[in-house]
mmCIF file of all heavy atoms, coordinates in Angstrom:
data_MODEL
# 
_entry.id   MODEL 
# 
loop_
_atom_site.group_PDB 
_atom_site.id 
_atom_site.type_symbol 
_atom_site.label_atom_id 
_atom_site.label_alt_id 
_atom_site.label_comp_id 
_atom_site.label_asym_id 
_atom_site.label_entity_id 
_atom_site.label_seq_id 
_atom_site.pdbx_PDB_ins_code 
_atom_site.Cartn_x 
_atom_site.Cartn_y 
_atom_site.Cartn_z 
_atom_site.occupancy 
_atom_site.B_iso_or_equiv 
_atom_site.pdbx_formal_charge 
_atom_site.auth_seq_id 
_atom_site.auth_comp_id 
_atom_site.auth_asym_id 
_atom_site.auth_atom_id 
_atom_site.pdbx_PDB_model_num 
ATOM 1   N N   . VAL A 1 1  ? 0.904   -1.148 -0.018  1.00 0.00 ? 1  VAL A N   1 
ATOM 2   C CA  . VAL A 1 1  ? 0.009   -0.072 0.040   1.00 0.00 ? 1  VAL A CA  1 
ATOM 3   C C   . VAL A 1 1  ? 0.898   1.153  -0.023  1.00 0.00 ? 1  VAL A C   1 
ATOM 4   O O   . VAL A 1 1  ? 2.110   1.149  0.228   1.00 0.00 ? 1  VAL A O   1 
ATOM 5   C CB  . VAL A 1 1  ? -0.993  0.011  1.260   1.00 0.00 ? 1  VAL A CB  1 
ATOM 6   C CG1 . VAL A 1 1  ? -1.847  -1.197 1.227   1.00 0.00 ? 1  VAL A CG1 1 
ATOM 7   C CG2 . VAL A 1 1  ? -0.214  0.043  2.563   1.00 0.00 ? 1  VAL A CG2 1 
ATOM 8   N N   . ARG A 1 2  ? 0.229   2.389  -0.166  1.00 0.00 ? 2  ARG A N   1 
ATOM 9   C CA  . ARG A 1 2  ? 1.061   3.676  -0.144  1.00 0.00 ? 2  ARG A CA  1 
ATOM 10  C C   . ARG A 1 2  ? 0.262   4.693  0.585   1.00 0.00 ? 2  ARG A C   1 
ATOM 11  O O   . ARG A 1 2  ? -0.890  4.428  1.042   1.00 0.00 ? 2  ARG A O   1 
ATOM 12  C CB  . ARG A 1 2  ? 1.466   4.034  -1.559  1.00 0.00 ? 2  ARG A CB  1 
ATOM 13  C CG  . ARG A 1 2  ? 0.337   4.576  -2.437  1.00 0.00 ? 2  ARG A CG  1 
ATOM 14  C CD  . ARG A 1 2  ? 0.944   4.863  -3.775  1.00 0.00 ? 2  ARG A CD  1 
ATOM 15  N NE  . ARG A 1 2  ? 0.084   5.791  -4.469  1.00 0.00 ? 2  ARG A NE  1 
ATOM 16  C CZ  . ARG A 1 2  ? 0.479   6.423  -5.556  1.00 0.00 ? 2  ARG A CZ  1 
ATOM 17  N NH1 . ARG A 1 2  ? 1.733   6.363  -5.973  1.00 0.00 ? 2  ARG A NH1 1 
ATOM 18  N NH2 . ARG A 1 2  ? -0.332  7.257  -6.202  1.00 0.00 ? 2  ARG A NH2 1 
ATOM 19  N N   . ASP A 1 3  ? 0.830   5.933  0.766   1.00 0.00 ? 3  ASP A N   1 
ATOM 20  C CA  . ASP A 1 3  ? 0.178   6.952  1.471   1.00 0.00 ? 3  ASP A CA  1 
ATOM 21  C C   . ASP A 1 3  ? -0.026  6.514  2.904   1.00 0.00 ? 3  ASP A C   1 
ATOM 22  O O   . ASP A 1 3  ? -1.080  6.787  3.556   1.00 0.00 ? 3  ASP A O   1 
ATOM 23  C CB  . ASP A 1 3  ? -1.088  7.397  0.786   1.00 0.00 ? 3  ASP A CB  1 
ATOM 24  C CG  . ASP A 1 3  ? -0.932  7.764  -0.669  1.00 0.00 ? 3  ASP A CG  1 
ATOM 25  O OD1 . ASP A 1 3  ? 0.011   8.457  -0.979  1.00 0.00 ? 3  ASP A OD1 1 
ATOM 26  O OD2 . ASP A 1 3  ? -1.775  7.396  -1.452  1.00 0.00 ? 3  ASP A OD2 1 
ATOM 27  N N   . SER A 1 4  ? 0.932   5.895  3.502   1.00 0.00 ? 4  SER A N   1 
ATOM 28  C CA  . SER A 1 4  ? 0.719   5.223  4.779   1.00 0.00 ? 4  SER A CA  1 
ATOM 29  C C   . SER A 1 4  ? 0.389   6.201  5.927   1.00 0.00 ? 4  SER A C   1 
ATOM 30  O O   . SER A 1 4  ? -0.406  5.971  6.813   1.00 0.00 ? 4  SER A O   1 
ATOM 31  C CB  . SER A 1 4  ? 1.954   4.486  5.283   1.00 0.00 ? 4  SER A CB  1 
ATOM 32  O OG  . SER A 1 4  ? 3.089   5.325  5.303   1.00 0.00 ? 4  SER A OG  1 
ATOM 33  N N   . ALA A 1 5  ? 0.868   7.413  5.872   1.00 0.00 ? 5  ALA A N   1 
ATOM 34  C CA  . ALA A 1 5  ? 0.480   8.462  6.932   1.00 0.00 ? 5  ALA A CA  1 
ATOM 35  C C   . ALA A 1 5  ? -0.998  8.781  6.836   1.00 0.00 ? 5  ALA A C   1 
ATOM 36  O O   . ALA A 1 5  ? -1.717  8.817  7.883   1.00 0.00 ? 5  ALA A O   1 
ATOM 37  C CB  . ALA A 1 5  ? 1.354   9.814  6.706   1.00 0.00 ? 5  ALA A CB  1 
ATOM 38  N N   . GLU A 1 6  ? -1.477  8.897  5.669   1.00 0.00 ? 6  GLU A N   1 
ATOM 39  C CA  . GLU A 1 6  ? -2.910  9.161  5.472   1.00 0.00 ? 6  GLU A CA  1 
ATOM 40  C C   . GLU A 1 6  ? -3.765  7.967  5.724   1.00 0.00 ? 6  GLU A C   1 
ATOM 41  O O   . GLU A 1 6  ? -4.808  8.088  6.440   1.00 0.00 ? 6  GLU A O   1 
ATOM 42  C CB  . GLU A 1 6  ? -3.268  9.585  4.026   1.00 0.00 ? 6  GLU A CB  1 
ATOM 43  C CG  . GLU A 1 6  ? -2.624  11.001 3.614   1.00 0.00 ? 6  GLU A CG  1 
ATOM 44  C CD  . GLU A 1 6  ? -1.226  10.882 3.205   1.00 0.00 ? 6  GLU A CD  1 
ATOM 45  O OE1 . GLU A 1 6  ? -0.580  9.840  3.277   1.00 0.00 ? 6  GLU A OE1 1 
ATOM 46  O OE2 . GLU A 1 6  ? -0.708  11.922 2.772   1.00 0.00 ? 6  GLU A OE2 1 
ATOM 47  N N   . LEU A 1 7  ? -3.294  6.735  5.426   1.00 0.00 ? 7  LEU A N   1 
ATOM 48  C CA  . LEU A 1 7  ? -4.089  5.531  5.730   1.00 0.00 ? 7  LEU A CA  1 
ATOM 49  C C   . LEU A 1 7  ? -4.221  5.322  7.199   1.00 0.00 ? 7  LEU A C   1 
ATOM 50  O O   . LEU A 1 7  ? -5.191  4.885  7.747   1.00 0.00 ? 7  LEU A O   1 
ATOM 51  C CB  . LEU A 1 7  ? -3.340  4.298  5.151   1.00 0.00 ? 7  LEU A CB  1 
ATOM 52  C CG  . LEU A 1 7  ? -3.196  4.228  3.738   1.00 0.00 ? 7  LEU A CG  1 
ATOM 53  C CD1 . LEU A 1 7  ? -2.584  2.870  3.299   1.00 0.00 ? 7  LEU A CD1 1 
ATOM 54  C CD2 . LEU A 1 7  ? -4.554  4.340  2.913   1.00 0.00 ? 7  LEU A CD2 1 
ATOM 55  N N   . GLY A 1 8  ? -3.268  5.773  8.026   1.00 0.00 ? 8  GLY A N   1 
ATOM 56  C CA  . GLY A 1 8  ? -3.238  5.650  9.426   1.00 0.00 ? 8  GLY A CA  1 
ATOM 57  C C   . GLY A 1 8  ? -4.200  6.572  10.078  1.00 0.00 ? 8  GLY A C   1 
ATOM 58  O O   . GLY A 1 8  ? -4.540  6.323  11.240  1.00 0.00 ? 8  GLY A O   1 
ATOM 59  N N   . GLN A 1 9  ? -4.748  7.515  9.397   1.00 0.00 ? 9  GLN A N   1 
ATOM 60  C CA  . GLN A 1 9  ? -5.674  8.455  9.880   1.00 0.00 ? 9  GLN A CA  1 
ATOM 61  C C   . GLN A 1 9  ? -7.169  8.129  9.518   1.00 0.00 ? 9  GLN A C   1 
ATOM 62  O O   . GLN A 1 9  ? -8.062  8.676  10.068  1.00 0.00 ? 9  GLN A O   1 
ATOM 63  C CB  . GLN A 1 9  ? -5.461  9.907  9.416   1.00 0.00 ? 9  GLN A CB  1 
ATOM 64  C CG  . GLN A 1 9  ? -4.058  10.381 9.760   1.00 0.00 ? 9  GLN A CG  1 
ATOM 65  C CD  . GLN A 1 9  ? -3.874  10.474 11.229  1.00 0.00 ? 9  GLN A CD  1 
ATOM 66  O OE1 . GLN A 1 9  ? -4.756  11.011 11.962  1.00 0.00 ? 9  GLN A OE1 1 
ATOM 67  N NE2 . GLN A 1 9  ? -2.767  9.981  11.790  1.00 0.00 ? 9  GLN A NE2 1 
ATOM 68  N N   . LEU A 1 10 ? -7.301  7.087  8.688   1.00 0.00 ? 10 LEU A N   1 
ATOM 69  C CA  . LEU A 1 10 ? -8.663  6.738  8.253   1.00 0.00 ? 10 LEU A CA  1 
ATOM 70  C C   . LEU A 1 10 ? -9.340  5.712  9.141   1.00 0.00 ? 10 LEU A C   1 
ATOM 71  O O   . LEU A 1 10 ? -8.593  4.755  9.681   1.00 0.00 ? 10 LEU A O   1 
ATOM 72  C CB  . LEU A 1 10 ? -8.574  6.160  6.821   1.00 0.00 ? 10 LEU A CB  1 
ATOM 73  C CG  . LEU A 1 10 ? -8.176  7.090  5.756   1.00 0.00 ? 10 LEU A CG  1 
ATOM 74  C CD1 . LEU A 1 10 ? -8.011  6.367  4.385   1.00 0.00 ? 10 LEU A CD1 1 
ATOM 75  C CD2 . LEU A 1 10 ? -9.271  8.154  5.630   1.00 0.00 ? 10 LEU A CD2 1 
ATOM 76  N N   . PRO A 1 11 ? -10.596 5.807  9.328   1.00 0.00 ? 11 PRO A N   1 
ATOM 77  C CA  . PRO A 1 11 ? -11.272 4.869  10.361  1.00 0.00 ? 11 PRO A CA  1 
ATOM 78  C C   . PRO A 1 11 ? -11.666 3.555  9.586   1.00 0.00 ? 11 PRO A C   1 
ATOM 79  O O   . PRO A 1 11 ? -12.782 3.184  9.435   1.00 0.00 ? 11 PRO A O   1 
ATOM 80  C CB  . PRO A 1 11 ? -12.504 5.633  10.664  1.00 0.00 ? 11 PRO A CB  1 
ATOM 81  C CG  . PRO A 1 11 ? -12.869 6.485  9.522   1.00 0.00 ? 11 PRO A CG  1 
ATOM 82  C CD  . PRO A 1 11 ? -11.469 6.954  8.928   1.00 0.00 ? 11 PRO A CD  1 
ATOM 83  N N   . ILE A 1 12 ? -10.585 2.790  9.196   1.00 0.00 ? 12 ILE A N   1 
ATOM 84  C CA  . ILE A 1 12 ? -10.743 1.538  8.579   1.00 0.00 ? 12 ILE A CA  1 
ATOM 85  C C   . ILE A 1 12 ? -9.501  0.667  8.909   1.00 0.00 ? 12 ILE A C   1 
ATOM 86  O O   . ILE A 1 12 ? -8.449  1.145  9.051   1.00 0.00 ? 12 ILE A O   1 
ATOM 87  C CB  . ILE A 1 12 ? -10.933 1.671  7.031   1.00 0.00 ? 12 ILE A CB  1 
ATOM 88  C CG1 . ILE A 1 12 ? -11.321 0.374  6.367   1.00 0.00 ? 12 ILE A CG1 1 
ATOM 89  C CG2 . ILE A 1 12 ? -9.795  2.303  6.412   1.00 0.00 ? 12 ILE A CG2 1 
ATOM 90  C CD1 . ILE A 1 12 ? -11.766 0.494  4.942   1.00 0.00 ? 12 ILE A CD1 1 
ATOM 91  N N   . GLY A 1 13 ? -9.877  -0.635 8.976   1.00 0.00 ? 13 GLY A N   1 
ATOM 92  C CA  . GLY A 1 13 ? -8.647  -1.577 9.190   1.00 0.00 ? 13 GLY A CA  1 
ATOM 93  C C   . GLY A 1 13 ? -8.000  -1.875 7.860   1.00 0.00 ? 13 GLY A C   1 
ATOM 94  O O   . GLY A 1 13 ? -8.719  -2.110 6.749   1.00 0.00 ? 13 GLY A O   1 
ATOM 95  N N   . ILE A 1 14 ? -6.610  -1.681 7.783   1.00 0.00 ? 14 ILE A N   1 
ATOM 96  C CA  . ILE A 1 14 ? -5.937  -2.049 6.510   1.00 0.00 ? 14 ILE A CA  1 
ATOM 97  C C   . ILE A 1 14 ? -4.709  -2.811 6.920   1.00 0.00 ? 14 ILE A C   1 
ATOM 98  O O   . ILE A 1 14 ? -3.907  -2.354 7.868   1.00 0.00 ? 14 ILE A O   1 
ATOM 99  C CB  . ILE A 1 14 ? -5.546  -0.797 5.783   1.00 0.00 ? 14 ILE A CB  1 
ATOM 100 C CG1 . ILE A 1 14 ? -6.714  0.052  5.397   1.00 0.00 ? 14 ILE A CG1 1 
ATOM 101 C CG2 . ILE A 1 14 ? -4.765  -1.258 4.569   1.00 0.00 ? 14 ILE A CG2 1 
ATOM 102 C CD1 . ILE A 1 14 ? -6.435  1.338  4.740   1.00 0.00 ? 14 ILE A CD1 1 
ATOM 103 N N   . MET A 1 15 ? -4.499  -3.983 6.403   1.00 0.00 ? 15 MET A N   1 
ATOM 104 C CA  . MET A 1 15 ? -3.257  -4.705 6.685   1.00 0.00 ? 15 MET A CA  1 
ATOM 105 C C   . MET A 1 15 ? -2.583  -5.006 5.345   1.00 0.00 ? 15 MET A C   1 
ATOM 106 O O   . MET A 1 15 ? -3.252  -5.178 4.309   1.00 0.00 ? 15 MET A O   1 
ATOM 107 C CB  . MET A 1 15 ? -3.534  -6.063 7.373   1.00 0.00 ? 15 MET A CB  1 
ATOM 108 C CG  . MET A 1 15 ? -4.048  -5.862 8.757   1.00 0.00 ? 15 MET A CG  1 
ATOM 109 S SD  . MET A 1 15 ? -4.405  -7.480 9.602   1.00 0.00 ? 15 MET A SD  1 
ATOM 110 C CE  . MET A 1 15 ? -2.772  -7.806 10.175  1.00 0.00 ? 15 MET A CE  1 
ATOM 111 N N   . ALA A 1 16 ? -1.215  -4.908 5.296   1.00 0.00 ? 16 ALA A N   1 
ATOM 112 C CA  . ALA A 1 16 ? -0.441  -5.189 4.085   1.00 0.00 ? 16 ALA A CA  1 
ATOM 113 C C   . ALA A 1 16 ? 0.912   -5.722 4.460   1.00 0.00 ? 16 ALA A C   1 
ATOM 114 O O   . ALA A 1 16 ? 1.348   -5.677 5.573   1.00 0.00 ? 16 ALA A O   1 
ATOM 115 C CB  . ALA A 1 16 ? -0.295  -3.902 3.246   1.00 0.00 ? 16 ALA A CB  1 
ATOM 116 N N   . LEU A 1 17 ? 1.568   -6.273 3.475   1.00 0.00 ? 17 LEU A N   1 
ATOM 117 C CA  . LEU A 1 17 ? 3.022   -6.702 3.666   1.00 0.00 ? 17 LEU A CA  1 
ATOM 118 C C   . LEU A 1 17 ? 3.899   -5.564 3.909   1.00 0.00 ? 17 LEU A C   1 
ATOM 119 O O   . LEU A 1 17 ? 4.804   -5.693 4.727   1.00 0.00 ? 17 LEU A O   1 
ATOM 120 C CB  . LEU A 1 17 ? 3.444   -7.547 2.396   1.00 0.00 ? 17 LEU A CB  1 
ATOM 121 C CG  . LEU A 1 17 ? 2.899   -8.906 2.172   1.00 0.00 ? 17 LEU A CG  1 
ATOM 122 C CD1 . LEU A 1 17 ? 3.388   -9.434 0.862   1.00 0.00 ? 17 LEU A CD1 1 
ATOM 123 C CD2 . LEU A 1 17 ? 3.237   -9.793 3.381   1.00 0.00 ? 17 LEU A CD2 1 
ATOM 124 N N   . ALA A 1 18 ? 3.817   -4.466 3.150   1.00 0.00 ? 18 ALA A N   1 
ATOM 125 C CA  . ALA A 1 18 ? 4.727   -3.313 3.204   1.00 0.00 ? 18 ALA A CA  1 
ATOM 126 C C   . ALA A 1 18 ? 4.060   -2.167 2.529   1.00 0.00 ? 18 ALA A C   1 
ATOM 127 O O   . ALA A 1 18 ? 2.999   -2.159 1.969   1.00 0.00 ? 18 ALA A O   1 
ATOM 128 C CB  . ALA A 1 18 ? 5.999   -3.717 2.491   1.00 0.00 ? 18 ALA A CB  1 
ATOM 129 N N   . THR A 1 19 ? 4.864   -1.039 2.572   1.00 0.00 ? 19 THR A N   1 
ATOM 130 C CA  . THR A 1 19 ? 4.507   0.174  1.918   1.00 0.00 ? 19 THR A CA  1 
ATOM 131 C C   . THR A 1 19 ? 5.443   0.354  0.689   1.00 0.00 ? 19 THR A C   1 
ATOM 132 O O   . THR A 1 19 ? 6.576   -0.133 0.677   1.00 0.00 ? 19 THR A O   1 
ATOM 133 C CB  . THR A 1 19 ? 4.556   1.382  2.745   1.00 0.00 ? 19 THR A CB  1 
ATOM 134 O OG1 . THR A 1 19 ? 5.923   1.549  3.228   1.00 0.00 ? 19 THR A OG1 1 
ATOM 135 C CG2 . THR A 1 19 ? 3.563   1.299  3.831   1.00 0.00 ? 19 THR A CG2 1 
ATOM 136 N N   . HIS A 1 20 ? 4.901   1.017  -0.349  1.00 0.00 ? 20 HIS A N   1 
ATOM 137 C CA  . HIS A 1 20 ? 5.706   1.309  -1.542  1.00 0.00 ? 20 HIS A CA  1 
ATOM 138 C C   . HIS A 1 20 ? 5.182   2.565  -2.209  1.00 0.00 ? 20 HIS A C   1 
ATOM 139 O O   . HIS A 1 20 ? 3.967   2.625  -2.361  1.00 0.00 ? 20 HIS A O   1 
ATOM 140 C CB  . HIS A 1 20 ? 5.658   0.128  -2.594  1.00 0.00 ? 20 HIS A CB  1 
ATOM 141 C CG  . HIS A 1 20 ? 6.650   0.040  -3.564  1.00 0.00 ? 20 HIS A CG  1 
ATOM 142 N ND1 . HIS A 1 20 ? 6.743   1.055  -4.596  1.00 0.00 ? 20 HIS A ND1 1 
ATOM 143 C CD2 . HIS A 1 20 ? 7.784   -0.766 -3.814  1.00 0.00 ? 20 HIS A CD2 1 
ATOM 144 C CE1 . HIS A 1 20 ? 7.802   0.726  -5.414  1.00 0.00 ? 20 HIS A CE1 1 
ATOM 145 N NE2 . HIS A 1 20 ? 8.323   -0.307 -4.935  1.00 0.00 ? 20 HIS A NE2 1 
ATOM 146 N N   . PRO A 1 21 ? 6.039   3.461  -2.601  1.00 0.00 ? 21 PRO A N   1 
ATOM 147 C CA  . PRO A 1 21 ? 5.460   4.705  -3.130  1.00 0.00 ? 21 PRO A CA  1 
ATOM 148 C C   . PRO A 1 21 ? 4.992   4.611  -4.569  1.00 0.00 ? 21 PRO A C   1 
ATOM 149 O O   . PRO A 1 21 ? 4.154   5.476  -5.010  1.00 0.00 ? 21 PRO A O   1 
ATOM 150 C CB  . PRO A 1 21 ? 6.698   5.685  -3.212  1.00 0.00 ? 21 PRO A CB  1 
ATOM 151 C CG  . PRO A 1 21 ? 7.917   4.750  -3.193  1.00 0.00 ? 21 PRO A CG  1 
ATOM 152 C CD  . PRO A 1 21 ? 7.520   3.487  -2.427  1.00 0.00 ? 21 PRO A CD  1 
ATOM 153 N N   . ARG A 1 22 ? 5.348   3.602  -5.355  1.00 0.00 ? 22 ARG A N   1 
ATOM 154 C CA  . ARG A 1 22 ? 4.900   3.576  -6.749  1.00 0.00 ? 22 ARG A CA  1 
ATOM 155 C C   . ARG A 1 22 ? 3.502   3.038  -6.825  1.00 0.00 ? 22 ARG A C   1 
ATOM 156 O O   . ARG A 1 22 ? 3.042   2.116  -6.215  1.00 0.00 ? 22 ARG A O   1 
ATOM 157 C CB  . ARG A 1 22 ? 5.810   2.583  -7.519  1.00 0.00 ? 22 ARG A CB  1 
ATOM 158 C CG  . ARG A 1 22 ? 5.603   2.568  -9.085  1.00 0.00 ? 22 ARG A CG  1 
ATOM 159 C CD  . ARG A 1 22 ? 6.473   1.600  -9.817  1.00 0.00 ? 22 ARG A CD  1 
ATOM 160 N NE  . ARG A 1 22 ? 7.901   1.832  -9.526  1.00 0.00 ? 22 ARG A NE  1 
ATOM 161 C CZ  . ARG A 1 22 ? 8.657   2.749  -10.109 1.00 0.00 ? 22 ARG A CZ  1 
ATOM 162 N NH1 . ARG A 1 22 ? 8.143   3.643  -10.885 1.00 0.00 ? 22 ARG A NH1 1 
ATOM 163 N NH2 . ARG A 1 22 ? 9.956   2.870  -9.603  1.00 0.00 ? 22 ARG A NH2 1 
ATOM 164 N N   . ARG A 1 23 ? 2.744   3.742  -7.678  1.00 0.00 ? 23 ARG A N   1 
ATOM 165 C CA  . ARG A 1 23 ? 1.342   3.205  -8.018  1.00 0.00 ? 23 ARG A CA  1 
ATOM 166 C C   . ARG A 1 23 ? 1.329   2.054  -8.946  1.00 0.00 ? 23 ARG A C   1 
ATOM 167 O O   . ARG A 1 23 ? 2.254   1.799  -9.633  1.00 0.00 ? 23 ARG A O   1 
ATOM 168 C CB  . ARG A 1 23 ? 0.551   4.326  -8.624  1.00 0.00 ? 23 ARG A CB  1 
ATOM 169 C CG  . ARG A 1 23 ? 0.926   4.692  -10.044 1.00 0.00 ? 23 ARG A CG  1 
ATOM 170 C CD  . ARG A 1 23 ? 0.071   5.799  -10.574 1.00 0.00 ? 23 ARG A CD  1 
ATOM 171 N NE  . ARG A 1 23 ? 0.615   6.195  -11.862 1.00 0.00 ? 23 ARG A NE  1 
ATOM 172 C CZ  . ARG A 1 23 ? 0.423   7.357  -12.456 1.00 0.00 ? 23 ARG A CZ  1 
ATOM 173 N NH1 . ARG A 1 23 ? -0.288  8.306  -11.748 1.00 0.00 ? 23 ARG A NH1 1 
ATOM 174 N NH2 . ARG A 1 23 ? 0.904   7.592  -13.652 1.00 0.00 ? 23 ARG A NH2 1 
ATOM 175 N N   . SER A 1 24 ? 0.227   1.356  -8.942  1.00 0.00 ? 24 SER A N   1 
ATOM 176 C CA  . SER A 1 24 ? 0.068   0.186  -9.773  1.00 0.00 ? 24 SER A CA  1 
ATOM 177 C C   . SER A 1 24 ? -0.316  0.614  -11.232 1.00 0.00 ? 24 SER A C   1 
ATOM 178 O O   . SER A 1 24 ? -0.677  1.750  -11.477 1.00 0.00 ? 24 SER A O   1 
ATOM 179 C CB  . SER A 1 24 ? -1.011  -0.783 -9.336  1.00 0.00 ? 24 SER A CB  1 
ATOM 180 O OG  . SER A 1 24 ? -2.273  -0.294 -9.587  1.00 0.00 ? 24 SER A OG  1 
ATOM 181 N N   . VAL A 1 25 ? -0.290  -0.429 -12.143 1.00 0.00 ? 25 VAL A N   1 
ATOM 182 C CA  . VAL A 1 25 ? -0.828  -0.174 -13.490 1.00 0.00 ? 25 VAL A CA  1 
ATOM 183 C C   . VAL A 1 25 ? -2.348  -0.197 -13.486 1.00 0.00 ? 25 VAL A C   1 
ATOM 184 O O   . VAL A 1 25 ? -2.864  -0.794 -12.489 1.00 0.00 ? 25 VAL A O   1 
ATOM 185 C CB  . VAL A 1 25 ? -0.209  -1.163 -14.469 1.00 0.00 ? 25 VAL A CB  1 
ATOM 186 C CG1 . VAL A 1 25 ? 1.345   -0.968 -14.604 1.00 0.00 ? 25 VAL A CG1 1 
ATOM 187 C CG2 . VAL A 1 25 ? -0.575  -2.560 -14.247 1.00 0.00 ? 25 VAL A CG2 1 
ATOM 188 N N   . LYS A 1 26 ? -2.935  0.175  -14.558 1.00 0.00 ? 26 LYS A N   1 
ATOM 189 C CA  . LYS A 1 26 ? -4.434  0.147  -14.676 1.00 0.00 ? 26 LYS A CA  1 
ATOM 190 C C   . LYS A 1 26 ? -4.755  -0.494 -16.029 1.00 0.00 ? 26 LYS A C   1 
ATOM 191 O O   . LYS A 1 26 ? -4.943  0.209  -16.966 1.00 0.00 ? 26 LYS A O   1 
ATOM 192 C CB  . LYS A 1 26 ? -5.004  1.553  -14.603 1.00 0.00 ? 26 LYS A CB  1 
ATOM 193 C CG  . LYS A 1 26 ? -4.431  2.463  -13.460 1.00 0.00 ? 26 LYS A CG  1 
ATOM 194 C CD  . LYS A 1 26 ? -5.209  2.298  -12.273 1.00 0.00 ? 26 LYS A CD  1 
ATOM 195 C CE  . LYS A 1 26 ? -4.829  3.338  -11.218 1.00 0.00 ? 26 LYS A CE  1 
ATOM 196 N NZ  . LYS A 1 26 ? -3.662  3.077  -10.545 1.00 0.00 ? 26 LYS A NZ  1 
ATOM 197 N N   . ARG A 1 27 ? -4.810  -1.870 -15.986 1.00 0.00 ? 27 ARG A N   1 
ATOM 198 C CA  . ARG A 1 27 ? -5.163  -2.585 -17.268 1.00 0.00 ? 27 ARG A CA  1 
ATOM 199 C C   . ARG A 1 27 ? -6.515  -3.232 -17.114 1.00 0.00 ? 27 ARG A C   1 
ATOM 200 O O   . ARG A 1 27 ? -7.007  -3.890 -18.064 1.00 0.00 ? 27 ARG A O   1 
ATOM 201 C CB  . ARG A 1 27 ? -4.096  -3.631 -17.488 1.00 0.00 ? 27 ARG A CB  1 
ATOM 202 C CG  . ARG A 1 27 ? -2.750  -3.062 -17.933 1.00 0.00 ? 27 ARG A CG  1 
ATOM 203 C CD  . ARG A 1 27 ? -1.842  -4.126 -18.433 1.00 0.00 ? 27 ARG A CD  1 
ATOM 204 N NE  . ARG A 1 27 ? -1.472  -5.022 -17.292 1.00 0.00 ? 27 ARG A NE  1 
ATOM 205 C CZ  . ARG A 1 27 ? -0.445  -5.032 -16.546 1.00 0.00 ? 27 ARG A CZ  1 
ATOM 206 N NH1 . ARG A 1 27 ? 0.494   -4.169 -16.890 1.00 0.00 ? 27 ARG A NH1 1 
ATOM 207 N NH2 . ARG A 1 27 ? -0.211  -5.950 -15.561 1.00 0.00 ? 27 ARG A NH2 1 
ATOM 208 N N   . GLY A 1 28 ? -7.133  -3.137 -15.937 1.00 0.00 ? 28 GLY A N   1 
ATOM 209 C CA  . GLY A 1 28 ? -8.458  -3.817 -15.720 1.00 0.00 ? 28 GLY A CA  1 
ATOM 210 C C   . GLY A 1 28 ? -8.357  -5.296 -15.649 1.00 0.00 ? 28 GLY A C   1 
ATOM 211 O O   . GLY A 1 28 ? -9.366  -6.043 -15.951 1.00 0.00 ? 28 GLY A O   1 
ATOM 212 N N   . GLU A 1 29 ? -7.152  -5.851 -15.161 1.00 0.00 ? 29 GLU A N   1 
ATOM 213 C CA  . GLU A 1 29 ? -7.022  -7.271 -15.115 1.00 0.00 ? 29 GLU A CA  1 
ATOM 214 C C   . GLU A 1 29 ? -7.270  -7.730 -13.572 1.00 0.00 ? 29 GLU A C   1 
ATOM 215 O O   . GLU A 1 29 ? -7.032  -6.956 -12.676 1.00 0.00 ? 29 GLU A O   1 
ATOM 216 C CB  . GLU A 1 29 ? -5.649  -7.719 -15.556 1.00 0.00 ? 29 GLU A CB  1 
ATOM 217 C CG  . GLU A 1 29 ? -5.366  -7.307 -16.935 1.00 0.00 ? 29 GLU A CG  1 
ATOM 218 C CD  . GLU A 1 29 ? -3.911  -7.565 -17.373 1.00 0.00 ? 29 GLU A CD  1 
ATOM 219 O OE1 . GLU A 1 29 ? -3.042  -7.898 -16.548 1.00 0.00 ? 29 GLU A OE1 1 
ATOM 220 O OE2 . GLU A 1 29 ? -3.692  -7.362 -18.583 1.00 0.00 ? 29 GLU A OE2 1 
# 
């Protein structure tokens, strides 16, 4: 996931392996 500082402020549970600044591709797959 990314934007970890912002994610930590949101009222939702999120778990991930790590953080990474690069966004994913968008191919609809």
